[in-house]
Amino acid sequence: MKRALRLRPAARKDIREIWDYTSRTWSRAKANEYVRMLTGSLNVVDVNPGLARPAGIGEAGLRKFVAGSHVLYFHIEPESIDVVRILHGSMDPKLHL
């Protein structure tokens, strides 16, 4: 099933910050590649929702999936994947969710 990808405002900000950091540290090409990998990971979860695990914190029904150095936090809805946050793996999700 192909669900729509919805990014909450905090997740949009996360993507911008990830792109900015990666662009400054490596290159614009690497930043584009990494952001494509993150969104591609959500497409993988769309096709196989069983790959996502319960987040165990935050909103009821929140799921998580590790992609690169980041953890994607989202809800799988019938028509969409609702992305709440995209946090670096070193960040404490309890402080950001």
PDB file of N, CA and C in Angstrom:
ATOM      1  N   MET A   1       0.846  -1.182   0.000  1.00  0.00           N
ATOM      2  CA  MET A   1       0.000   0.000   0.000  1.00  0.00           C
ATOM      3  C   MET A   1       0.890   1.244   0.000  1.00  0.00           C
ATOM      4  N   LYS A   2       0.551   2.204  -0.780  1.00  0.00           N
ATOM      5  CA  LYS A   2       1.300   3.462  -0.829  1.00  0.00           C
ATOM      6  C   LYS A   2       0.537   4.510  -0.033  1.00  0.00           C
ATOM      7  N   ARG A   3       1.027   4.793   1.165  1.00  0.00           N
ATOM      8  CA  ARG A   3       0.408   5.808   2.013  1.00  0.00           C
ATOM      9  C   ARG A   3       1.062   7.161   1.760  1.00  0.00           C
ATOM     10  N   ALA A   4       0.316   8.216   2.008  1.00  0.00           N
ATOM     11  CA  ALA A   4       0.881   9.566   1.928  1.00  0.00           C
ATOM     12  C   ALA A   4       1.856   9.755   3.091  1.00  0.00           C
ATOM     13  N   LEU A   5       2.901  10.494   2.854  1.00  0.00           N
ATOM     14  CA  LEU A   5       3.889  10.802   3.883  1.00  0.00           C
ATOM     15  C   LEU A   5       3.591  12.198   4.419  1.00  0.00           C
ATOM     16  N   ARG A   6       3.239  12.272   5.707  1.00  0.00           N
ATOM     17  CA  ARG A   6       2.931  13.560   6.342  1.00  0.00           C
ATOM     18  C   ARG A   6       3.982  13.854   7.399  1.00  0.00           C
ATOM     19  N   LEU A   7       4.597  15.007   7.304  1.00  0.00           N
ATOM     20  CA  LEU A   7       5.593  15.419   8.288  1.00  0.00           C
ATOM     21  C   LEU A   7       4.995  16.489   9.186  1.00  0.00           C
ATOM     22  N   ARG A   8       5.006  16.249  10.468  1.00  0.00           N
ATOM     23  CA  ARG A   8       4.580  17.283  11.405  1.00  0.00           C
ATOM     24  C   ARG A   8       5.618  18.408  11.387  1.00  0.00           C
ATOM     25  N   PRO A   9       5.254  19.595  11.872  1.00  0.00           N
ATOM     26  CA  PRO A   9       6.201  20.720  11.845  1.00  0.00           C
ATOM     27  C   PRO A   9       7.558  20.398  12.476  1.00  0.00           C
ATOM     28  N   ALA A  10       7.572  19.695  13.593  1.00  0.00           N
ATOM     29  CA  ALA A  10       8.846  19.355  14.235  1.00  0.00           C
ATOM     30  C   ALA A  10       9.679  18.438  13.344  1.00  0.00           C
ATOM     31  N   ALA A  11       9.037  17.509  12.650  1.00  0.00           N
ATOM     32  CA  ALA A  11       9.756  16.604  11.748  1.00  0.00           C
ATOM     33  C   ALA A  11      10.302  17.360  10.542  1.00  0.00           C
ATOM     34  N   ARG A  12       9.545  18.340  10.034  1.00  0.00           N
ATOM     35  CA  ARG A  12      10.046  19.184   8.933  1.00  0.00           C
ATOM     36  C   ARG A  12      11.294  19.944   9.372  1.00  0.00           C
ATOM     37  N   LYS A  13      11.249  20.458  10.592  1.00  0.00           N
ATOM     38  CA  LYS A  13      12.407  21.175  11.146  1.00  0.00           C
ATOM     39  C   LYS A  13      13.591  20.218  11.290  1.00  0.00           C
ATOM     40  N   ASP A  14      13.321  18.994  11.757  1.00  0.00           N
ATOM     41  CA  ASP A  14      14.390  17.997  11.893  1.00  0.00           C
ATOM     42  C   ASP A  14      15.063  17.747  10.546  1.00  0.00           C
ATOM     43  N   ILE A  15      14.268  17.561   9.496  1.00  0.00           N
ATOM     44  CA  ILE A  15      14.816  17.303   8.154  1.00  0.00           C
ATOM     45  C   ILE A  15      15.692  18.471   7.704  1.00  0.00           C
ATOM     46  N   ARG A  16      15.201  19.692   7.902  1.00  0.00           N
ATOM     47  CA  ARG A  16      15.996  20.875   7.511  1.00  0.00           C
ATOM     48  C   ARG A  16      17.318  20.922   8.260  1.00  0.00           C
ATOM     49  N   GLU A  17      17.271  20.656   9.568  1.00  0.00           N
ATOM     50  CA  GLU A  17      18.491  20.697  10.376  1.00  0.00           C
ATOM     51  C   GLU A  17      19.452  19.577   9.990  1.00  0.00           C
ATOM     52  N   ILE A  18      18.927  18.396   9.705  1.00  0.00           N
ATOM     53  CA  ILE A  18      19.774  17.281   9.260  1.00  0.00           C
ATOM     54  C   ILE A  18      20.435  17.642   7.937  1.00  0.00           C
ATOM     55  N   TRP A  19      19.644  18.196   7.005  1.00  0.00           N
ATOM     56  CA  TRP A  19      20.195  18.577   5.700  1.00  0.00           C
ATOM     57  C   TRP A  19      21.261  19.659   5.877  1.00  0.00           C
ATOM     58  N   ASP A  20      20.976  20.681   6.679  1.00  0.00           N
ATOM     59  CA  ASP A  20      21.939  21.773   6.890  1.00  0.00           C
ATOM     60  C   ASP A  20      23.243  21.255   7.482  1.00  0.00           C
ATOM     61  N   TYR A  21      23.148  20.433   8.516  1.00  0.00           N
ATOM     62  CA  TYR A  21      24.347  19.899   9.163  1.00  0.00           C
ATOM     63  C   TYR A  21      25.158  19.045   8.187  1.00  0.00           C
ATOM     64  N   THR A  22      24.484  18.155   7.483  1.00  0.00           N
ATOM     65  CA  THR A  22      25.180  17.264   6.548  1.00  0.00           C
ATOM     66  C   THR A  22      25.812  18.055   5.413  1.00  0.00           C
ATOM     67  N   SER A  23      25.123  19.057   4.923  1.00  0.00           N
ATOM     68  CA  SER A  23      25.648  19.905   3.852  1.00  0.00           C
ATOM     69  C   SER A  23      26.898  20.652   4.307  1.00  0.00           C
ATOM     70  N   ARG A  24      26.849  21.220   5.514  1.00  0.00           N
ATOM     71  CA  ARG A  24      28.010  21.958   6.045  1.00  0.00           C
ATOM     72  C   ARG A  24      29.187  21.033   6.323  1.00  0.00           C
ATOM     73  N   THR A  25      28.891  19.842   6.850  1.00  0.00           N
ATOM     74  CA  THR A  25      29.948  18.924   7.273  1.00  0.00           C
ATOM     75  C   THR A  25      30.551  18.160   6.105  1.00  0.00           C
ATOM     76  N   TRP A  26      29.726  17.738   5.146  1.00  0.00           N
ATOM     77  CA  TRP A  26      30.212  16.955   4.023  1.00  0.00           C
ATOM     78  C   TRP A  26      29.974  17.682   2.701  1.00  0.00           C
ATOM     79  N   SER A  27      28.767  17.642   2.205  1.00  0.00           N
ATOM     80  CA  SER A  27      28.470  18.326   0.938  1.00  0.00           C
ATOM     81  C   SER A  27      26.962  18.355   0.723  1.00  0.00           C
ATOM     82  N   ARG A  28      26.544  19.192  -0.212  1.00  0.00           N
ATOM     83  CA  ARG A  28      25.120  19.244  -0.556  1.00  0.00           C
ATOM     84  C   ARG A  28      24.669  17.909  -1.146  1.00  0.00           C
ATOM     85  N   ALA A  29      25.524  17.302  -1.950  1.00  0.00           N
ATOM     86  CA  ALA A  29      25.172  16.011  -2.552  1.00  0.00           C
ATOM     87  C   ALA A  29      24.940  14.960  -1.466  1.00  0.00           C
ATOM     88  N   LYS A  30      25.819  14.918  -0.457  1.00  0.00           N
ATOM     89  CA  LYS A  30      25.650  13.962   0.647  1.00  0.00           C
ATOM     90  C   LYS A  30      24.389  14.271   1.446  1.00  0.00           C
ATOM     91  N   ALA A  31      24.102  15.554   1.635  1.00  0.00           N
ATOM     92  CA  ALA A  31      22.887  15.942   2.362  1.00  0.00           C
ATOM     93  C   ALA A  31      21.650  15.461   1.614  1.00  0.00           C
ATOM     94  N   ASN A  32      21.624  15.673   0.307  1.00  0.00           N
ATOM     95  CA  ASN A  32      20.490  15.205  -0.502  1.00  0.00           C
ATOM     96  C   ASN A  32      20.362  13.687  -0.436  1.00  0.00           C
ATOM     97  N   GLU A  33      21.487  12.999  -0.536  1.00  0.00           N
ATOM     98  CA  GLU A  33      21.499  11.530  -0.493  1.00  0.00           C
ATOM     99  C   GLU A  33      20.971  11.023   0.852  1.00  0.00           C
ATOM    100  N   TYR A  34      21.412  11.648   1.946  1.00  0.00           N
ATOM    101  CA  TYR A  34      21.005  11.196   3.275  1.00  0.00           C
ATOM    102  C   TYR A  34      19.508  11.430   3.503  1.00  0.00           C
ATOM    103  N   VAL A  35      19.007  12.590   3.105  1.00  0.00           N
ATOM    104  CA  VAL A  35      17.579  12.872   3.267  1.00  0.00           C
ATOM    105  C   VAL A  35      16.749  11.922   2.403  1.00  0.00           C
ATOM    106  N   ARG A  36      17.235  11.601   1.198  1.00  0.00           N
ATOM    107  CA  ARG A  36      16.536  10.604   0.361  1.00  0.00           C
ATOM    108  C   ARG A  36      16.508   9.244   1.052  1.00  0.00           C
ATOM    109  N   MET A  37      17.607   8.876   1.723  1.00  0.00           N
ATOM    110  CA  MET A  37      17.653   7.610   2.449  1.00  0.00           C
ATOM    111  C   MET A  37      16.628   7.612   3.582  1.00  0.00           C
ATOM    112  N   LEU A  38      16.515   8.729   4.301  1.00  0.00           N
ATOM    113  CA  LEU A  38      15.540   8.806   5.395  1.00  0.00           C
ATOM    114  C   LEU A  38      14.117   8.640   4.871  1.00  0.00           C
ATOM    115  N   THR A  39      13.770   9.364   3.822  1.00  0.00           N
ATOM    116  CA  THR A  39      12.414   9.245   3.272  1.00  0.00           C
ATOM    117  C   THR A  39      12.204   7.874   2.630  1.00  0.00           C
ATOM    118  N   GLY A  40      13.245   7.324   2.039  1.00  0.00           N
ATOM    119  CA  GLY A  40      13.155   5.975   1.483  1.00  0.00           C
ATOM    120  C   GLY A  40      12.882   4.939   2.561  1.00  0.00           C
ATOM    121  N   SER A  41      13.435   5.156   3.744  1.00  0.00           N
ATOM    122  CA  SER A  41      13.185   4.241   4.861  1.00  0.00           C
ATOM    123  C   SER A  41      11.711   4.233   5.241  1.00  0.00           C
ATOM    124  N   LEU A  42      11.078   5.385   5.154  1.00  0.00           N
ATOM    125  CA  LEU A  42       9.638   5.443   5.433  1.00  0.00           C
ATOM    126  C   LEU A  42       8.846   4.696   4.368  1.00  0.00           C
ATOM    127  N   ASN A  43       9.321   4.710   3.141  1.00  0.00           N
ATOM    128  CA  ASN A  43       8.669   3.927   2.085  1.00  0.00           C
ATOM    129  C   ASN A  43       8.816   2.434   2.355  1.00  0.00           C
ATOM    130  N   VAL A  44       9.969   2.021   2.899  1.00  0.00           N
ATOM    131  CA  VAL A  44      10.177   0.617   3.269  1.00  0.00           C
ATOM    132  C   VAL A  44       9.173   0.217   4.346  1.00  0.00           C
ATOM    133  N   VAL A  45       9.000   1.083   5.349  1.00  0.00           N
ATOM    134  CA  VAL A  45       8.039   0.811   6.423  1.00  0.00           C
ATOM    135  C   VAL A  45       6.613   0.767   5.870  1.00  0.00           C
ATOM    136  N   ASP A  46       6.327   1.605   4.895  1.00  0.00           N
ATOM    137  CA  ASP A  46       5.001   1.614   4.275  1.00  0.00           C
ATOM    138  C   ASP A  46       4.692   0.245   3.673  1.00  0.00           C
ATOM    139  N   VAL A  47       5.658  -0.327   2.981  1.00  0.00           N
ATOM    140  CA  VAL A  47       5.479  -1.624   2.325  1.00  0.00           C
ATOM    141  C   VAL A  47       5.470  -2.757   3.351  1.00  0.00           C
ATOM    142  N   ASN A  48       6.278  -2.636   4.398  1.00  0.00           N
ATOM    143  CA  ASN A  48       6.381  -3.690   5.402  1.00  0.00           C
ATOM    144  C   ASN A  48       6.300  -3.080   6.800  1.00  0.00           C
ATOM    145  N   PRO A  49       5.095  -2.738   7.276  1.00  0.00           N
ATOM    146  CA  PRO A  49       4.938  -2.085   8.573  1.00  0.00           C
ATOM    147  C   PRO A  49       5.494  -2.883   9.749  1.00  0.00           C
ATOM    148  N   GLY A  50       5.620  -4.192   9.587  1.00  0.00           N
ATOM    149  CA  GLY A  50       6.152  -5.023  10.659  1.00  0.00           C
ATOM    150  C   GLY A  50       7.597  -4.728  11.001  1.00  0.00           C
ATOM    151  N   LEU A  51       8.301  -4.013  10.129  1.00  0.00           N
ATOM    152  CA  LEU A  51       9.685  -3.643  10.419  1.00  0.00           C
ATOM    153  C   LEU A  51       9.779  -2.564  11.495  1.00  0.00           C
ATOM    154  N   ALA A  52       8.740  -1.765  11.638  1.00  0.00           N
ATOM    155  CA  ALA A  52       8.722  -0.706  12.652  1.00  0.00           C
ATOM    156  C   ALA A  52       8.376  -1.316  14.004  1.00  0.00           C
ATOM    157  N   ARG A  53       9.001  -0.797  15.035  1.00  0.00           N
ATOM    158  CA  ARG A  53       8.778  -1.295  16.392  1.00  0.00           C
ATOM    159  C   ARG A  53       8.019  -0.253  17.211  1.00  0.00           C
ATOM    160  N   PRO A  54       7.285  -0.697  18.230  1.00  0.00           N
ATOM    161  CA  PRO A  54       6.666   0.286  19.123  1.00  0.00           C
ATOM    162  C   PRO A  54       7.755   1.153  19.756  1.00  0.00           C
ATOM    163  N   ALA A  55       7.508   2.460  19.828  1.00  0.00           N
ATOM    164  CA  ALA A  55       8.502   3.372  20.396  1.00  0.00           C
ATOM    165  C   ALA A  55       8.607   3.196  21.909  1.00  0.00           C
ATOM    166  N   GLY A  56       7.506   2.835  22.546  1.00  0.00           N
ATOM    167  CA  GLY A  56       7.534   2.623  23.990  1.00  0.00           C
ATOM    168  C   GLY A  56       7.513   3.910  24.804  1.00  0.00           C
ATOM    169  N   ILE A  57       7.461   5.048  24.139  1.00  0.00           N
ATOM    170  CA  ILE A  57       7.381   6.346  24.808  1.00  0.00           C
ATOM    171  C   ILE A  57       6.539   7.272  23.945  1.00  0.00           C
ATOM    172  N   GLY A  58       6.212   8.419  24.483  1.00  0.00           N
ATOM    173  CA  GLY A  58       5.484   9.407  23.688  1.00  0.00           C
ATOM    174  C   GLY A  58       4.030   9.027  23.489  1.00  0.00           C
ATOM    175  N   GLU A  59       3.474   9.482  22.389  1.00  0.00           N
ATOM    176  CA  GLU A  59       2.057   9.293  22.074  1.00  0.00           C
ATOM    177  C   GLU A  59       1.708   7.811  21.923  1.00  0.00           C
ATOM    178  N   ALA A  60       0.472   7.479  22.247  1.00  0.00           N
ATOM    179  CA  ALA A  60      -0.002   6.103  22.067  1.00  0.00           C
ATOM    180  C   ALA A  60       0.117   5.714  20.597  1.00  0.00           C
ATOM    181  N   GLY A  61       0.587   4.503  20.352  1.00  0.00           N
ATOM    182  CA  GLY A  61       0.694   3.993  18.990  1.00  0.00           C
ATOM    183  C   GLY A  61       1.922   4.461  18.229  1.00  0.00           C
ATOM    184  N   LEU A  62       2.798   5.214  18.881  1.00  0.00           N
ATOM    185  CA  LEU A  62       3.995   5.717  18.214  1.00  0.00           C
ATOM    186  C   LEU A  62       4.929   4.561  17.878  1.00  0.00           C
ATOM    187  N   ARG A  63       5.459   4.567  16.653  1.00  0.00           N
ATOM    188  CA  ARG A  63       6.378   3.529  16.176  1.00  0.00           C
ATOM    189  C   ARG A  63       7.739   4.164  15.911  1.00  0.00           C
ATOM    190  N   LYS A  64       8.767   3.320  15.779  1.00  0.00           N
ATOM    191  CA  LYS A  64      10.100   3.831  15.465  1.00  0.00           C
ATOM    192  C   LYS A  64      10.797   2.910  14.485  1.00  0.00           C
ATOM    193  N   PHE A  65      11.738   3.505  13.757  1.00  0.00           N
ATOM    194  CA  PHE A  65      12.526   2.762  12.776  1.00  0.00           C
ATOM    195  C   PHE A  65      13.879   3.451  12.668  1.00  0.00           C
ATOM    196  N   VAL A  66      14.955   2.676  12.784  1.00  0.00           N
ATOM    197  CA  VAL A  66      16.306   3.230  12.693  1.00  0.00           C
ATOM    198  C   VAL A  66      16.698   3.330  11.224  1.00  0.00           C
ATOM    199  N   ALA A  67      17.196   4.518  10.851  1.00  0.00           N
ATOM    200  CA  ALA A  67      17.647   4.772   9.477  1.00  0.00           C
ATOM    201  C   ALA A  67      18.950   5.559   9.558  1.00  0.00           C
ATOM    202  N   GLY A  68      20.046   4.921   9.191  1.00  0.00           N
ATOM    203  CA  GLY A  68      21.337   5.591   9.294  1.00  0.00           C
ATOM    204  C   GLY A  68      21.628   5.914  10.747  1.00  0.00           C
ATOM    205  N   SER A  69      22.008   7.159  11.007  1.00  0.00           N
ATOM    206  CA  SER A  69      22.314   7.606  12.368  1.00  0.00           C
ATOM    207  C   SER A  69      21.087   8.138  13.095  1.00  0.00           C
ATOM    208  N   HIS A  70      19.925   8.043  12.475  1.00  0.00           N
ATOM    209  CA  HIS A  70      18.715   8.647  13.023  1.00  0.00           C
ATOM    210  C   HIS A  70      17.630   7.617  13.320  1.00  0.00           C
ATOM    211  N   VAL A  71      16.705   8.029  14.162  1.00  0.00           N
ATOM    212  CA  VAL A  71      15.542   7.202  14.485  1.00  0.00           C
ATOM    213  C   VAL A  71      14.304   7.989  14.062  1.00  0.00           C
ATOM    214  N   LEU A  72      13.492   7.359  13.236  1.00  0.00           N
ATOM    215  CA  LEU A  72      12.254   7.961  12.752  1.00  0.00           C
ATOM    216  C   LEU A  72      11.131   7.573  13.710  1.00  0.00           C
ATOM    217  N   TYR A  73      10.374   8.545  14.184  1.00  0.00           N
ATOM    218  CA  TYR A  73       9.234   8.308  15.071  1.00  0.00           C
ATOM    219  C   TYR A  73       7.968   8.708  14.327  1.00  0.00           C
ATOM    220  N   PHE A  74       6.996   7.800  14.262  1.00  0.00           N
ATOM    221  CA  PHE A  74       5.831   8.038  13.408  1.00  0.00           C
ATOM    222  C   PHE A  74       4.657   7.162  13.813  1.00  0.00           C
ATOM    223  N   HIS A  75       3.510   7.496  13.258  1.00  0.00           N
ATOM    224  CA  HIS A  75       2.299   6.684  13.362  1.00  0.00           C
ATOM    225  C   HIS A  75       1.998   6.143  11.971  1.00  0.00           C
ATOM    226  N   ILE A  76       1.584   4.885  11.906  1.00  0.00           N
ATOM    227  CA  ILE A  76       1.122   4.312  10.647  1.00  0.00           C
ATOM    228  C   ILE A  76      -0.400   4.379  10.664  1.00  0.00           C
ATOM    229  N   GLU A  77      -0.943   5.219   9.812  1.00  0.00           N
ATOM    230  CA  GLU A  77      -2.387   5.412   9.695  1.00  0.00           C
ATOM    231  C   GLU A  77      -2.868   4.678   8.436  1.00  0.00           C
ATOM    232  N   PRO A  78      -4.163   4.435   8.309  1.00  0.00           N
ATOM    233  CA  PRO A  78      -4.658   3.737   7.112  1.00  0.00           C
ATOM    234  C   PRO A  78      -4.270   4.423   5.800  1.00  0.00           C
ATOM    235  N   GLU A  79      -4.269   5.747   5.778  1.00  0.00           N
ATOM    236  CA  GLU A  79      -3.994   6.483   4.540  1.00  0.00           C
ATOM    237  C   GLU A  79      -2.653   7.207   4.531  1.00  0.00           C
ATOM    238  N   SER A  80      -1.935   7.209   5.665  1.00  0.00           N
ATOM    239  CA  SER A  80      -0.696   7.994   5.715  1.00  0.00           C
ATOM    240  C   SER A  80       0.277   7.454   6.754  1.00  0.00           C
ATOM    241  N   ILE A  81       1.518   7.883   6.609  1.00  0.00           N
ATOM    242  CA  ILE A  81       2.525   7.722   7.650  1.00  0.00           C
ATOM    243  C   ILE A  81       2.740   9.125   8.204  1.00  0.00           C
ATOM    244  N   ASP A  82       2.426   9.303   9.476  1.00  0.00           N
ATOM    245  CA  ASP A  82       2.466  10.598  10.147  1.00  0.00           C
ATOM    246  C   ASP A  82       3.769  10.685  10.945  1.00  0.00           C
ATOM    247  N   VAL A  83       4.755  11.401  10.407  1.00  0.00           N
ATOM    248  CA  VAL A  83       6.082  11.473  11.020  1.00  0.00           C
ATOM    249  C   VAL A  83       6.076  12.554  12.101  1.00  0.00           C
ATOM    250  N   VAL A  84       6.385  12.135  13.330  1.00  0.00           N
ATOM    251  CA  VAL A  84       6.368  13.032  14.480  1.00  0.00           C
ATOM    252  C   VAL A  84       7.719  13.720  14.640  1.00  0.00           C
ATOM    253  N   ARG A  85       8.798  12.942  14.644  1.00  0.00           N
ATOM    254  CA  ARG A  85      10.154  13.481  14.808  1.00  0.00           C
ATOM    255  C   ARG A  85      11.149  12.574  14.089  1.00  0.00           C
ATOM    256  N   ILE A  86      12.310  13.139  13.791  1.00  0.00           N
ATOM    257  CA  ILE A  86      13.454  12.396  13.267  1.00  0.00           C
ATOM    258  C   ILE A  86      14.628  12.827  14.133  1.00  0.00           C
ATOM    259  N   LEU A  87      15.044  11.948  15.032  1.00  0.00           N
ATOM    260  CA  LEU A  87      16.060  12.295  16.025  1.00  0.00           C
ATOM    261  C   LEU A  87      17.342  11.517  15.788  1.00  0.00           C
ATOM    262  N   HIS A  88      18.470  12.164  16.060  1.00  0.00           N
ATOM    263  CA  HIS A  88      19.750  11.460  15.996  1.00  0.00           C
ATOM    264  C   HIS A  88      19.733  10.370  17.061  1.00  0.00           C
ATOM    265  N   GLY A  89      20.366   9.258  16.770  1.00  0.00           N
ATOM    266  CA  GLY A  89      20.380   8.130  17.689  1.00  0.00           C
ATOM    267  C   GLY A  89      20.970   8.444  19.050  1.00  0.00           C
ATOM    268  N   SER A  90      21.807   9.483  19.136  1.00  0.00           N
ATOM    269  CA  SER A  90      22.415   9.851  20.417  1.00  0.00           C
ATOM    270  C   SER A  90      21.501  10.733  21.271  1.00  0.00           C
ATOM    271  N   MET A  91      20.391  11.186  20.701  1.00  0.00           N
ATOM    272  CA  MET A  91      19.468  12.057  21.440  1.00  0.00           C
ATOM    273  C   MET A  91      18.534  11.224  22.314  1.00  0.00           C
ATOM    274  N   ASP A  92      18.185  11.765  23.468  1.00  0.00           N
ATOM    275  CA  ASP A  92      17.252  11.101  24.372  1.00  0.00           C
ATOM    276  C   ASP A  92      15.826  11.412  23.913  1.00  0.00           C
ATOM    277  N   PRO A  93      15.116  10.425  23.375  1.00  0.00           N
ATOM    278  CA  PRO A  93      13.776  10.707  22.851  1.00  0.00           C
ATOM    279  C   PRO A  93      12.808  11.200  23.924  1.00  0.00           C
ATOM    280  N   LYS A  94      13.042  10.840  25.182  1.00  0.00           N
ATOM    281  CA  LYS A  94      12.158  11.302  26.253  1.00  0.00           C
ATOM    282  C   LYS A  94      12.159  12.825  26.355  1.00  0.00           C
ATOM    283  N   LEU A  95      13.238  13.445  25.938  1.00  0.00           N
ATOM    284  CA  LEU A  95      13.342  14.904  26.003  1.00  0.00           C
ATOM    285  C   LEU A  95      12.745  15.592  24.785  1.00  0.00           C
ATOM    286  N   HIS A  96      12.479  14.833  23.715  1.00  0.00           N
ATOM    287  CA  HIS A  96      12.090  15.443  22.443  1.00  0.00           C
ATOM    288  C   HIS A  96      10.745  14.979  21.897  1.00  0.00           C
ATOM    289  N   LEU A  97      10.114  14.027  22.557  1.00  0.00           N
ATOM    290  CA  LEU A  97       8.814  13.534  22.073  1.00  0.00           C
ATOM    291  C   LEU A  97       7.695  13.989  22.996  1.00  0.00           C
TER     292      LEU A  97
END
